[in-house]
Amino acid sequence: MSHPRKSVCSQIRSGRCRVQKRRGIACLSLLAVLWVGWSAPLATADDDHVVARRLREAGAILPLERIIERARAAKPGEVIETELERKKGRYVYEVEILDTAGQVWEIKLDAKTGDLITLERDD
């Protein structure tokens, strides 16, 4: 009984197995690159809260609740966004507040002391 396919030995001799192996490696390499490309931004975003928690536990920044209290004391309204950034060697909270007139205000506070840095209307 003869098989229409070549035997394994004849495939190896002809180089067919090497071609299939190279294709497999190329596919795996492509998948690895795509996975790293997709997961890298997600890892960065997910790590922000971890960094903030470590800074707070080390006493390098105030808890977010206290920052929000100070931002609302400077400009009453609804907090719509907060962001922790490192600027000129210090951590700064940027808090956006929507006031009762519908204006958005950006408030920058020193993350360690809670001191007001700037208060300006956001355009």
C-alpha atoms as a PDB file:
ATOM      1  CA  MET A   1       0.000   0.000   0.000  1.00  0.00           C
ATOM      2  CA  SER A   2       1.611   3.261  -1.027  1.00  0.00           C
ATOM      3  CA  HIS A   3       0.977   6.638   0.563  1.00  0.00           C
ATOM      4  CA  PRO A   4       0.720   9.764  -1.564  1.00  0.00           C
ATOM      5  CA  ARG A   5       2.887  11.616   0.967  1.00  0.00           C
ATOM      6  CA  LYS A   6       6.632  11.348   1.103  1.00  0.00           C
ATOM      7  CA  SER A   7       8.159   9.548   4.019  1.00  0.00           C
ATOM      8  CA  VAL A   8       9.552  11.600   6.914  1.00  0.00           C
ATOM      9  CA  CYS A   9      13.088  10.761   5.855  1.00  0.00           C
ATOM     10  CA  SER A  10      12.552  12.071   2.342  1.00  0.00           C
ATOM     11  CA  GLN A  11      10.964  15.267   3.709  1.00  0.00           C
ATOM     12  CA  ILE A  12      13.992  15.910   5.917  1.00  0.00           C
ATOM     13  CA  ARG A  13      16.354  15.279   3.008  1.00  0.00           C
ATOM     14  CA  SER A  14      14.420  17.679   0.784  1.00  0.00           C
ATOM     15  CA  GLY A  15      14.537  20.492   3.333  1.00  0.00           C
ATOM     16  CA  ARG A  16      10.769  20.726   3.721  1.00  0.00           C
ATOM     17  CA  CYS A  17      10.918  20.322   7.497  1.00  0.00           C
ATOM     18  CA  ARG A  18      13.393  23.223   7.775  1.00  0.00           C
ATOM     19  CA  VAL A  19      11.006  25.526   5.894  1.00  0.00           C
ATOM     20  CA  GLN A  20       8.090  24.593   8.148  1.00  0.00           C
ATOM     21  CA  LYS A  21      10.262  25.102  11.222  1.00  0.00           C
ATOM     22  CA  ARG A  22      11.303  28.582  10.020  1.00  0.00           C
ATOM     23  CA  ARG A  23       7.678  29.523   9.395  1.00  0.00           C
ATOM     24  CA  GLY A  24       6.779  28.377  12.888  1.00  0.00           C
ATOM     25  CA  ILE A  25       9.586  30.426  14.431  1.00  0.00           C
ATOM     26  CA  ALA A  26       8.589  33.479  12.389  1.00  0.00           C
ATOM     27  CA  CYS A  27       4.970  33.157  13.551  1.00  0.00           C
ATOM     28  CA  LEU A  28       5.998  32.814  17.182  1.00  0.00           C
ATOM     29  CA  SER A  29       8.298  35.824  16.876  1.00  0.00           C
ATOM     30  CA  LEU A  30       5.497  37.907  15.387  1.00  0.00           C
ATOM     31  CA  LEU A  31       3.111  36.874  18.162  1.00  0.00           C
ATOM     32  CA  ALA A  32       5.698  37.792  20.804  1.00  0.00           C
ATOM     33  CA  VAL A  33       6.226  41.249  19.281  1.00  0.00           C
ATOM     34  CA  LEU A  34       2.478  41.883  19.075  1.00  0.00           C
ATOM     35  CA  TRP A  35       1.934  40.711  22.651  1.00  0.00           C
ATOM     36  CA  VAL A  36       4.683  43.003  23.984  1.00  0.00           C
ATOM     37  CA  GLY A  37       3.330  45.912  21.936  1.00  0.00           C
ATOM     38  CA  TRP A  38      -0.176  45.493  23.276  1.00  0.00           C
ATOM     39  CA  SER A  39       0.697  44.747  26.865  1.00  0.00           C
ATOM     40  CA  ALA A  40       3.360  47.426  27.445  1.00  0.00           C
ATOM     41  CA  PRO A  41       0.953  50.411  27.556  1.00  0.00           C
ATOM     42  CA  LEU A  42      -1.432  48.471  29.755  1.00  0.00           C
ATOM     43  CA  ALA A  43       1.311  47.596  32.220  1.00  0.00           C
ATOM     44  CA  THR A  44       2.304  51.253  32.503  1.00  0.00           C
ATOM     45  CA  ALA A  45      -1.243  52.401  33.141  1.00  0.00           C
ATOM     46  CA  ASP A  46      -1.873  49.655  35.665  1.00  0.00           C
ATOM     47  CA  ASP A  47       1.295  50.495  37.584  1.00  0.00           C
ATOM     48  CA  ASP A  48       0.376  54.164  38.228  1.00  0.00           C
ATOM     49  CA  HIS A  49      -1.748  53.380  41.267  1.00  0.00           C
ATOM     50  CA  VAL A  50       0.968  51.080  42.630  1.00  0.00           C
ATOM     51  CA  VAL A  51       3.554  53.869  42.386  1.00  0.00           C
ATOM     52  CA  ALA A  52       1.179  56.343  44.060  1.00  0.00           C
ATOM     53  CA  ARG A  53       0.450  53.901  46.875  1.00  0.00           C
ATOM     54  CA  ARG A  54       4.152  53.317  47.516  1.00  0.00           C
ATOM     55  CA  LEU A  55       4.861  57.049  47.538  1.00  0.00           C
ATOM     56  CA  ARG A  56       1.988  57.636  49.977  1.00  0.00           C
ATOM     57  CA  GLU A  57       3.134  54.814  52.266  1.00  0.00           C
ATOM     58  CA  ALA A  58       6.678  56.239  52.227  1.00  0.00           C
ATOM     59  CA  GLY A  59       5.354  59.680  53.185  1.00  0.00           C
ATOM     60  CA  ALA A  60       6.496  61.248  49.914  1.00  0.00           C
ATOM     61  CA  ILE A  61       2.962  62.374  48.980  1.00  0.00           C
ATOM     62  CA  LEU A  62      -0.304  63.081  50.789  1.00  0.00           C
ATOM     63  CA  PRO A  63      -3.303  60.774  50.427  1.00  0.00           C
ATOM     64  CA  LEU A  64      -5.542  61.670  47.488  1.00  0.00           C
ATOM     65  CA  GLU A  65      -8.452  62.399  49.845  1.00  0.00           C
ATOM     66  CA  ARG A  66      -6.494  65.242  51.487  1.00  0.00           C
ATOM     67  CA  ILE A  67      -5.439  66.613  48.098  1.00  0.00           C
ATOM     68  CA  ILE A  68      -9.068  66.657  46.947  1.00  0.00           C
ATOM     69  CA  GLU A  69     -10.113  68.462  50.156  1.00  0.00           C
ATOM     70  CA  ARG A  70      -7.495  71.144  49.515  1.00  0.00           C
ATOM     71  CA  ALA A  71      -8.446  71.456  45.849  1.00  0.00           C
ATOM     72  CA  ARG A  72     -12.111  71.930  46.768  1.00  0.00           C
ATOM     73  CA  ALA A  73     -11.138  74.502  49.394  1.00  0.00           C
ATOM     74  CA  ALA A  74      -9.379  76.462  46.637  1.00  0.00           C
ATOM     75  CA  LYS A  75     -12.242  76.024  44.146  1.00  0.00           C
ATOM     76  CA  PRO A  76     -15.552  74.445  45.192  1.00  0.00           C
ATOM     77  CA  GLY A  77     -17.126  72.044  42.714  1.00  0.00           C
ATOM     78  CA  GLU A  78     -17.108  68.502  41.387  1.00  0.00           C
ATOM     79  CA  VAL A  79     -13.757  66.767  40.879  1.00  0.00           C
ATOM     80  CA  ILE A  80     -13.725  65.386  37.345  1.00  0.00           C
ATOM     81  CA  GLU A  81     -10.081  64.304  37.016  1.00  0.00           C
ATOM     82  CA  THR A  82      -6.934  63.847  39.082  1.00  0.00           C
ATOM     83  CA  GLU A  83      -3.426  63.150  37.907  1.00  0.00           C
ATOM     84  CA  LEU A  84      -0.114  62.674  39.715  1.00  0.00           C
ATOM     85  CA  GLU A  85       2.952  63.881  37.835  1.00  0.00           C
ATOM     86  CA  ARG A  86       6.597  64.431  38.578  1.00  0.00           C
ATOM     87  CA  LYS A  87       7.682  67.940  37.572  1.00  0.00           C
ATOM     88  CA  LYS A  88      11.019  69.578  38.245  1.00  0.00           C
ATOM     89  CA  GLY A  89      11.984  66.995  40.833  1.00  0.00           C
ATOM     90  CA  ARG A  90       8.754  67.065  42.833  1.00  0.00           C
ATOM     91  CA  TYR A  91       5.408  65.341  42.666  1.00  0.00           C
ATOM     92  CA  VAL A  92       2.439  67.470  41.666  1.00  0.00           C
ATOM     93  CA  TYR A  93      -1.249  66.637  41.702  1.00  0.00           C
ATOM     94  CA  GLU A  94      -3.307  68.145  38.904  1.00  0.00           C
ATOM     95  CA  VAL A  95      -6.972  68.265  39.859  1.00  0.00           C
ATOM     96  CA  GLU A  96      -9.710  69.347  37.462  1.00  0.00           C
ATOM     97  CA  ILE A  97     -12.871  70.716  39.041  1.00  0.00           C
ATOM     98  CA  LEU A  98     -16.185  71.598  37.423  1.00  0.00           C
ATOM     99  CA  ASP A  99     -17.698  74.577  39.240  1.00  0.00           C
ATOM    100  CA  THR A 100     -21.413  75.417  39.602  1.00  0.00           C
ATOM    101  CA  ALA A 101     -21.214  77.808  36.609  1.00  0.00           C
ATOM    102  CA  GLY A 102     -20.037  74.965  34.355  1.00  0.00           C
ATOM    103  CA  GLN A 103     -16.414  76.154  34.173  1.00  0.00           C
ATOM    104  CA  VAL A 104     -13.546  73.666  34.420  1.00  0.00           C
ATOM    105  CA  TRP A 105     -10.626  74.661  36.613  1.00  0.00           C
ATOM    106  CA  GLU A 106      -7.183  73.102  36.774  1.00  0.00           C
ATOM    107  CA  ILE A 107      -5.594  73.159  40.188  1.00  0.00           C
ATOM    108  CA  LYS A 108      -1.991  72.122  40.762  1.00  0.00           C
ATOM    109  CA  LEU A 109      -1.000  71.148  44.277  1.00  0.00           C
ATOM    110  CA  ASP A 110       2.319  70.046  45.730  1.00  0.00           C
ATOM    111  CA  ALA A 111       1.743  66.336  46.370  1.00  0.00           C
ATOM    112  CA  LYS A 112       3.897  66.270  49.526  1.00  0.00           C
ATOM    113  CA  THR A 113       2.569  69.376  51.291  1.00  0.00           C
ATOM    114  CA  GLY A 114      -0.765  70.049  49.596  1.00  0.00           C
ATOM    115  CA  ASP A 115       0.277  73.648  48.956  1.00  0.00           C
ATOM    116  CA  LEU A 116      -1.443  75.394  46.045  1.00  0.00           C
ATOM    117  CA  ILE A 117       0.860  75.893  43.058  1.00  0.00           C
ATOM    118  CA  THR A 118      -1.571  77.217  40.443  1.00  0.00           C
ATOM    119  CA  LEU A 119      -5.276  77.724  39.953  1.00  0.00           C
ATOM    120  CA  GLU A 120      -6.442  78.515  36.434  1.00  0.00           C
ATOM    121  CA  ARG A 121      -9.479  78.104  34.261  1.00  0.00           C
ATOM    122  CA  ASP A 122      -9.084  75.258  31.797  1.00  0.00           C
ATOM    123  CA  ASP A 123      -9.972  76.177  28.217  1.00  0.00           C
END
